Amino acid sequence: MSNKKWWSIMIAALLFGLSPNLQAADAIGHVKVVNGDAKVTRESKAVPVQLGDPVLMNDQFSTGPGGSVGITFNDNTRVSIGPETEFVVDEFVYQPQQNKLSFGSRITKGTMQFVSGTIAKLSPETVKINTPTGTIGVRGTQFLVKVEK
């Protein structure tokens, strides 16, 4: 095998081998609990949610009639969504050393429990949960929200 061909194969293997790791490096959280019918849509592709999956910016979670998902974000914010829920992670910045902190998400239907993490403690004004009828400003607490369509 020529040296050039060997390098091409090694580079291709490295690139294909790193793609899941790159995704994990971009993770802003992880799925800690999943029950029943639950999907995440990422880059227009819906796939079943699996325990331990990384959570990325712009992920769209949806659950069926018996489904639920529990997510723990990198700042220890915890979000639990219940059955027949649609939840989107719009923004997550957690760089406390640079004083860059924000969390933005939206729930368009269903139920969600929110438990504040470090972002809400250090910069509460940067945490917002949008609903079809308003925005919830978080001030370092926990709450439950239900959105009916």
C-alpha atoms as a PDB file:
ATOM      1  CA  MET A   1       0.000   0.000   0.000  1.00  0.00           C
ATOM      2  CA  SER A   2       1.373   3.384  -0.926  1.00  0.00           C
ATOM      3  CA  ASN A   3       2.168   5.910   1.778  1.00  0.00           C
ATOM      4  CA  LYS A   4      -0.335   8.393   0.285  1.00  0.00           C
ATOM      5  CA  LYS A   5      -3.161   5.830   0.286  1.00  0.00           C
ATOM      6  CA  TRP A   6      -2.328   4.789   3.856  1.00  0.00           C
ATOM      7  CA  TRP A   7      -2.517   8.423   5.038  1.00  0.00           C
ATOM      8  CA  SER A   8      -5.856   8.917   3.251  1.00  0.00           C
ATOM      9  CA  ILE A   9      -7.301   5.887   5.014  1.00  0.00           C
ATOM     10  CA  MET A  10      -5.941   7.038   8.394  1.00  0.00           C
ATOM     11  CA  ILE A  11      -7.369  10.555   7.968  1.00  0.00           C
ATOM     12  CA  ALA A  12     -10.779   9.184   6.929  1.00  0.00           C
ATOM     13  CA  ALA A  13     -10.818   6.794   9.904  1.00  0.00           C
ATOM     14  CA  LEU A  14      -9.824   9.584  12.246  1.00  0.00           C
ATOM     15  CA  LEU A  15     -12.519  11.919  10.925  1.00  0.00           C
ATOM     16  CA  PHE A  16     -15.239   9.292  11.123  1.00  0.00           C
ATOM     17  CA  GLY A  17     -14.048   8.191  14.544  1.00  0.00           C
ATOM     18  CA  LEU A  18     -14.047  11.740  15.905  1.00  0.00           C
ATOM     19  CA  SER A  19     -17.492  12.856  14.773  1.00  0.00           C
ATOM     20  CA  PRO A  20     -19.337  11.386  17.802  1.00  0.00           C
ATOM     21  CA  ASN A  21     -16.664  12.809  20.104  1.00  0.00           C
ATOM     22  CA  LEU A  22     -17.007  16.251  18.553  1.00  0.00           C
ATOM     23  CA  GLN A  23     -20.744  16.087  19.200  1.00  0.00           C
ATOM     24  CA  ALA A  24     -20.136  15.061  22.803  1.00  0.00           C
ATOM     25  CA  ALA A  25     -17.665  17.949  23.179  1.00  0.00           C
ATOM     26  CA  ASP A  26     -20.429  20.346  22.091  1.00  0.00           C
ATOM     27  CA  ALA A  27     -22.832  18.873  24.640  1.00  0.00           C
ATOM     28  CA  ILE A  28     -24.553  21.384  26.902  1.00  0.00           C
ATOM     29  CA  GLY A  29     -26.094  18.623  28.992  1.00  0.00           C
ATOM     30  CA  HIS A  30     -27.113  14.987  29.009  1.00  0.00           C
ATOM     31  CA  VAL A  31     -30.293  12.942  29.152  1.00  0.00           C
ATOM     32  CA  LYS A  32     -30.502  11.481  32.658  1.00  0.00           C
ATOM     33  CA  VAL A  33     -33.976   9.882  32.448  1.00  0.00           C
ATOM     34  CA  VAL A  34     -36.100   8.700  29.552  1.00  0.00           C
ATOM     35  CA  ASN A  35     -39.392   6.824  29.643  1.00  0.00           C
ATOM     36  CA  GLY A  36     -41.778   5.792  26.891  1.00  0.00           C
ATOM     37  CA  ASP A  37     -42.080   7.563  23.561  1.00  0.00           C
ATOM     38  CA  ALA A  38     -39.528  10.394  23.410  1.00  0.00           C
ATOM     39  CA  LYS A  39     -37.764  11.859  20.402  1.00  0.00           C
ATOM     40  CA  VAL A  40     -35.155  14.528  19.786  1.00  0.00           C
ATOM     41  CA  THR A  41     -35.009  16.399  16.500  1.00  0.00           C
ATOM     42  CA  ARG A  42     -31.566  17.580  15.514  1.00  0.00           C
ATOM     43  CA  GLU A  43     -30.721  19.023  12.095  1.00  0.00           C
ATOM     44  CA  SER A  44     -34.212  18.043  10.826  1.00  0.00           C
ATOM     45  CA  LYS A  45     -33.775  14.393  11.833  1.00  0.00           C
ATOM     46  CA  ALA A  46     -35.963  12.912  14.604  1.00  0.00           C
ATOM     47  CA  VAL A  47     -34.492   9.992  16.541  1.00  0.00           C
ATOM     48  CA  PRO A  48     -35.527   8.221  19.766  1.00  0.00           C
ATOM     49  CA  VAL A  49     -34.015   9.706  22.921  1.00  0.00           C
ATOM     50  CA  GLN A  50     -31.604   7.364  24.699  1.00  0.00           C
ATOM     51  CA  LEU A  51     -30.346   7.456  28.276  1.00  0.00           C
ATOM     52  CA  GLY A  52     -27.014   9.312  28.365  1.00  0.00           C
ATOM     53  CA  ASP A  53     -27.518  11.109  25.033  1.00  0.00           C
ATOM     54  CA  PRO A  54     -25.757  14.456  24.773  1.00  0.00           C
ATOM     55  CA  VAL A  55     -28.002  17.522  24.611  1.00  0.00           C
ATOM     56  CA  LEU A  56     -27.004  20.119  22.029  1.00  0.00           C
ATOM     57  CA  MET A  57     -28.066  23.676  21.319  1.00  0.00           C
ATOM     58  CA  ASN A  58     -31.301  23.815  19.267  1.00  0.00           C
ATOM     59  CA  ASP A  59     -32.358  20.273  20.185  1.00  0.00           C
ATOM     60  CA  GLN A  60     -36.139  19.845  19.961  1.00  0.00           C
ATOM     61  CA  PHE A  61     -37.558  17.269  22.364  1.00  0.00           C
ATOM     62  CA  SER A  62     -41.028  15.775  21.975  1.00  0.00           C
ATOM     63  CA  THR A  63     -42.775  13.116  24.000  1.00  0.00           C
ATOM     64  CA  GLY A  64     -45.745  10.908  23.280  1.00  0.00           C
ATOM     65  CA  PRO A  65     -48.689  10.071  25.573  1.00  0.00           C
ATOM     66  CA  GLY A  66     -46.618   8.081  28.087  1.00  0.00           C
ATOM     67  CA  GLY A  67     -43.242   9.691  27.465  1.00  0.00           C
ATOM     68  CA  SER A  68     -40.977  11.772  29.661  1.00  0.00           C
ATOM     69  CA  VAL A  69     -37.401  13.050  29.523  1.00  0.00           C
ATOM     70  CA  GLY A  70     -35.100  14.350  32.262  1.00  0.00           C
ATOM     71  CA  ILE A  71     -32.142  16.527  31.257  1.00  0.00           C
ATOM     72  CA  THR A  72     -29.289  17.790  33.402  1.00  0.00           C
ATOM     73  CA  PHE A  73     -27.423  20.730  31.865  1.00  0.00           C
ATOM     74  CA  ASN A  74     -23.732  21.472  32.430  1.00  0.00           C
ATOM     75  CA  ASP A  75     -24.515  24.095  35.101  1.00  0.00           C
ATOM     76  CA  ASN A  76     -26.702  21.557  36.960  1.00  0.00           C
ATOM     77  CA  THR A  77     -29.991  23.063  35.720  1.00  0.00           C
ATOM     78  CA  ARG A  78     -32.513  20.238  35.559  1.00  0.00           C
ATOM     79  CA  VAL A  79     -35.447  20.119  33.180  1.00  0.00           C
ATOM     80  CA  SER A  80     -38.043  17.358  33.178  1.00  0.00           C
ATOM     81  CA  ILE A  81     -40.657  17.218  30.451  1.00  0.00           C
ATOM     82  CA  GLY A  82     -43.819  15.173  30.732  1.00  0.00           C
ATOM     83  CA  PRO A  83     -46.138  13.399  28.312  1.00  0.00           C
ATOM     84  CA  GLU A  84     -47.170  15.055  25.048  1.00  0.00           C
ATOM     85  CA  THR A  85     -44.672  17.881  25.448  1.00  0.00           C
ATOM     86  CA  GLU A  86     -42.628  19.905  22.974  1.00  0.00           C
ATOM     87  CA  PHE A  87     -39.507  21.577  24.394  1.00  0.00           C
ATOM     88  CA  VAL A  88     -36.634  23.343  22.586  1.00  0.00           C
ATOM     89  CA  VAL A  89     -33.223  24.411  23.891  1.00  0.00           C
ATOM     90  CA  ASP A  90     -32.618  27.777  22.198  1.00  0.00           C
ATOM     91  CA  GLU A  91     -29.562  29.039  24.047  1.00  0.00           C
ATOM     92  CA  PHE A  92     -27.085  27.785  26.606  1.00  0.00           C
ATOM     93  CA  VAL A  93     -23.861  29.591  27.493  1.00  0.00           C
ATOM     94  CA  TYR A  94     -21.965  28.500  30.587  1.00  0.00           C
ATOM     95  CA  GLN A  95     -18.593  30.189  30.828  1.00  0.00           C
ATOM     96  CA  PRO A  96     -18.486  31.520  34.402  1.00  0.00           C
ATOM     97  CA  GLN A  97     -14.787  32.463  34.209  1.00  0.00           C
ATOM     98  CA  GLN A  98     -15.601  34.893  31.368  1.00  0.00           C
ATOM     99  CA  ASN A  99     -18.888  35.963  32.990  1.00  0.00           C
ATOM    100  CA  LYS A 100     -20.798  34.612  29.971  1.00  0.00           C
ATOM    101  CA  LEU A 101     -23.970  32.962  31.213  1.00  0.00           C
ATOM    102  CA  SER A 102     -27.391  32.458  29.639  1.00  0.00           C
ATOM    103  CA  PHE A 103     -30.126  29.878  29.308  1.00  0.00           C
ATOM    104  CA  GLY A 104     -33.054  30.186  26.926  1.00  0.00           C
ATOM    105  CA  SER A 105     -35.630  27.589  26.012  1.00  0.00           C
ATOM    106  CA  ARG A 106     -39.243  27.261  24.987  1.00  0.00           C
ATOM    107  CA  ILE A 107     -42.105  24.952  25.677  1.00  0.00           C
ATOM    108  CA  THR A 108     -44.891  25.024  23.096  1.00  0.00           C
ATOM    109  CA  LYS A 109     -47.136  22.397  24.677  1.00  0.00           C
ATOM    110  CA  GLY A 110     -47.197  19.991  27.587  1.00  0.00           C
ATOM    111  CA  THR A 111     -45.611  20.089  31.025  1.00  0.00           C
ATOM    112  CA  MET A 112     -42.157  20.913  32.287  1.00  0.00           C
ATOM    113  CA  GLN A 113     -40.489  21.088  35.674  1.00  0.00           C
ATOM    114  CA  PHE A 114     -37.487  23.407  35.956  1.00  0.00           C
ATOM    115  CA  VAL A 115     -34.903  23.388  38.754  1.00  0.00           C
ATOM    116  CA  SER A 116     -32.365  26.215  38.629  1.00  0.00           C
ATOM    117  CA  GLY A 117     -28.658  25.584  38.284  1.00  0.00           C
ATOM    118  CA  THR A 118     -25.624  27.805  38.528  1.00  0.00           C
ATOM    119  CA  ILE A 119     -26.603  30.156  35.681  1.00  0.00           C
ATOM    120  CA  ALA A 120     -29.784  31.217  37.500  1.00  0.00           C
ATOM    121  CA  LYS A 121     -27.853  31.734  40.720  1.00  0.00           C
ATOM    122  CA  LEU A 122     -25.060  33.831  39.153  1.00  0.00           C
ATOM    123  CA  SER A 123     -27.043  35.650  36.446  1.00  0.00           C
ATOM    124  CA  PRO A 124     -30.800  35.193  36.975  1.00  0.00           C
ATOM    125  CA  GLU A 125     -31.747  37.865  34.431  1.00  0.00           C
ATOM    126  CA  THR A 126     -30.243  35.732  31.629  1.00  0.00           C
ATOM    127  CA  VAL A 127     -32.531  32.728  32.198  1.00  0.00           C
ATOM    128  CA  LYS A 128     -35.771  32.736  30.220  1.00  0.00           C
ATOM    129  CA  ILE A 129     -38.366  30.110  29.383  1.00  0.00           C
ATOM    130  CA  ASN A 130     -40.690  31.118  26.551  1.00  0.00           C
ATOM    131  CA  THR A 131     -44.262  29.866  26.248  1.00  0.00           C
ATOM    132  CA  PRO A 132     -46.848  30.661  23.563  1.00  0.00           C
ATOM    133  CA  THR A 133     -48.380  33.337  25.821  1.00  0.00           C
ATOM    134  CA  GLY A 134     -45.406  34.806  27.680  1.00  0.00           C
ATOM    135  CA  THR A 135     -41.896  34.509  29.061  1.00  0.00           C
ATOM    136  CA  ILE A 136     -40.962  33.118  32.455  1.00  0.00           C
ATOM    137  CA  GLY A 137     -38.051  34.905  34.078  1.00  0.00           C
ATOM    138  CA  VAL A 138     -36.232  32.613  36.465  1.00  0.00           C
ATOM    139  CA  ARG A 139     -34.824  33.978  39.696  1.00  0.00           C
ATOM    140  CA  GLY A 140     -33.125  30.949  41.207  1.00  0.00           C
ATOM    141  CA  THR A 141     -35.975  28.606  41.976  1.00  0.00           C
ATOM    142  CA  GLN A 142     -37.950  25.645  40.757  1.00  0.00           C
ATOM    143  CA  PHE A 143     -41.324  25.649  39.077  1.00  0.00           C
ATOM    144  CA  LEU A 144     -43.763  23.618  37.032  1.00  0.00           C
ATOM    145  CA  VAL A 145     -45.393  24.944  33.873  1.00  0.00           C
ATOM    146  CA  LYS A 146     -48.245  23.513  31.810  1.00  0.00           C
ATOM    147  CA  VAL A 147     -48.986  24.736  28.283  1.00  0.00           C
ATOM    148  CA  GLU A 148     -52.285  23.713  26.716  1.00  0.00           C
ATOM    149  CA  LYS A 149     -53.043  24.048  23.038  1.00  0.00           C
END
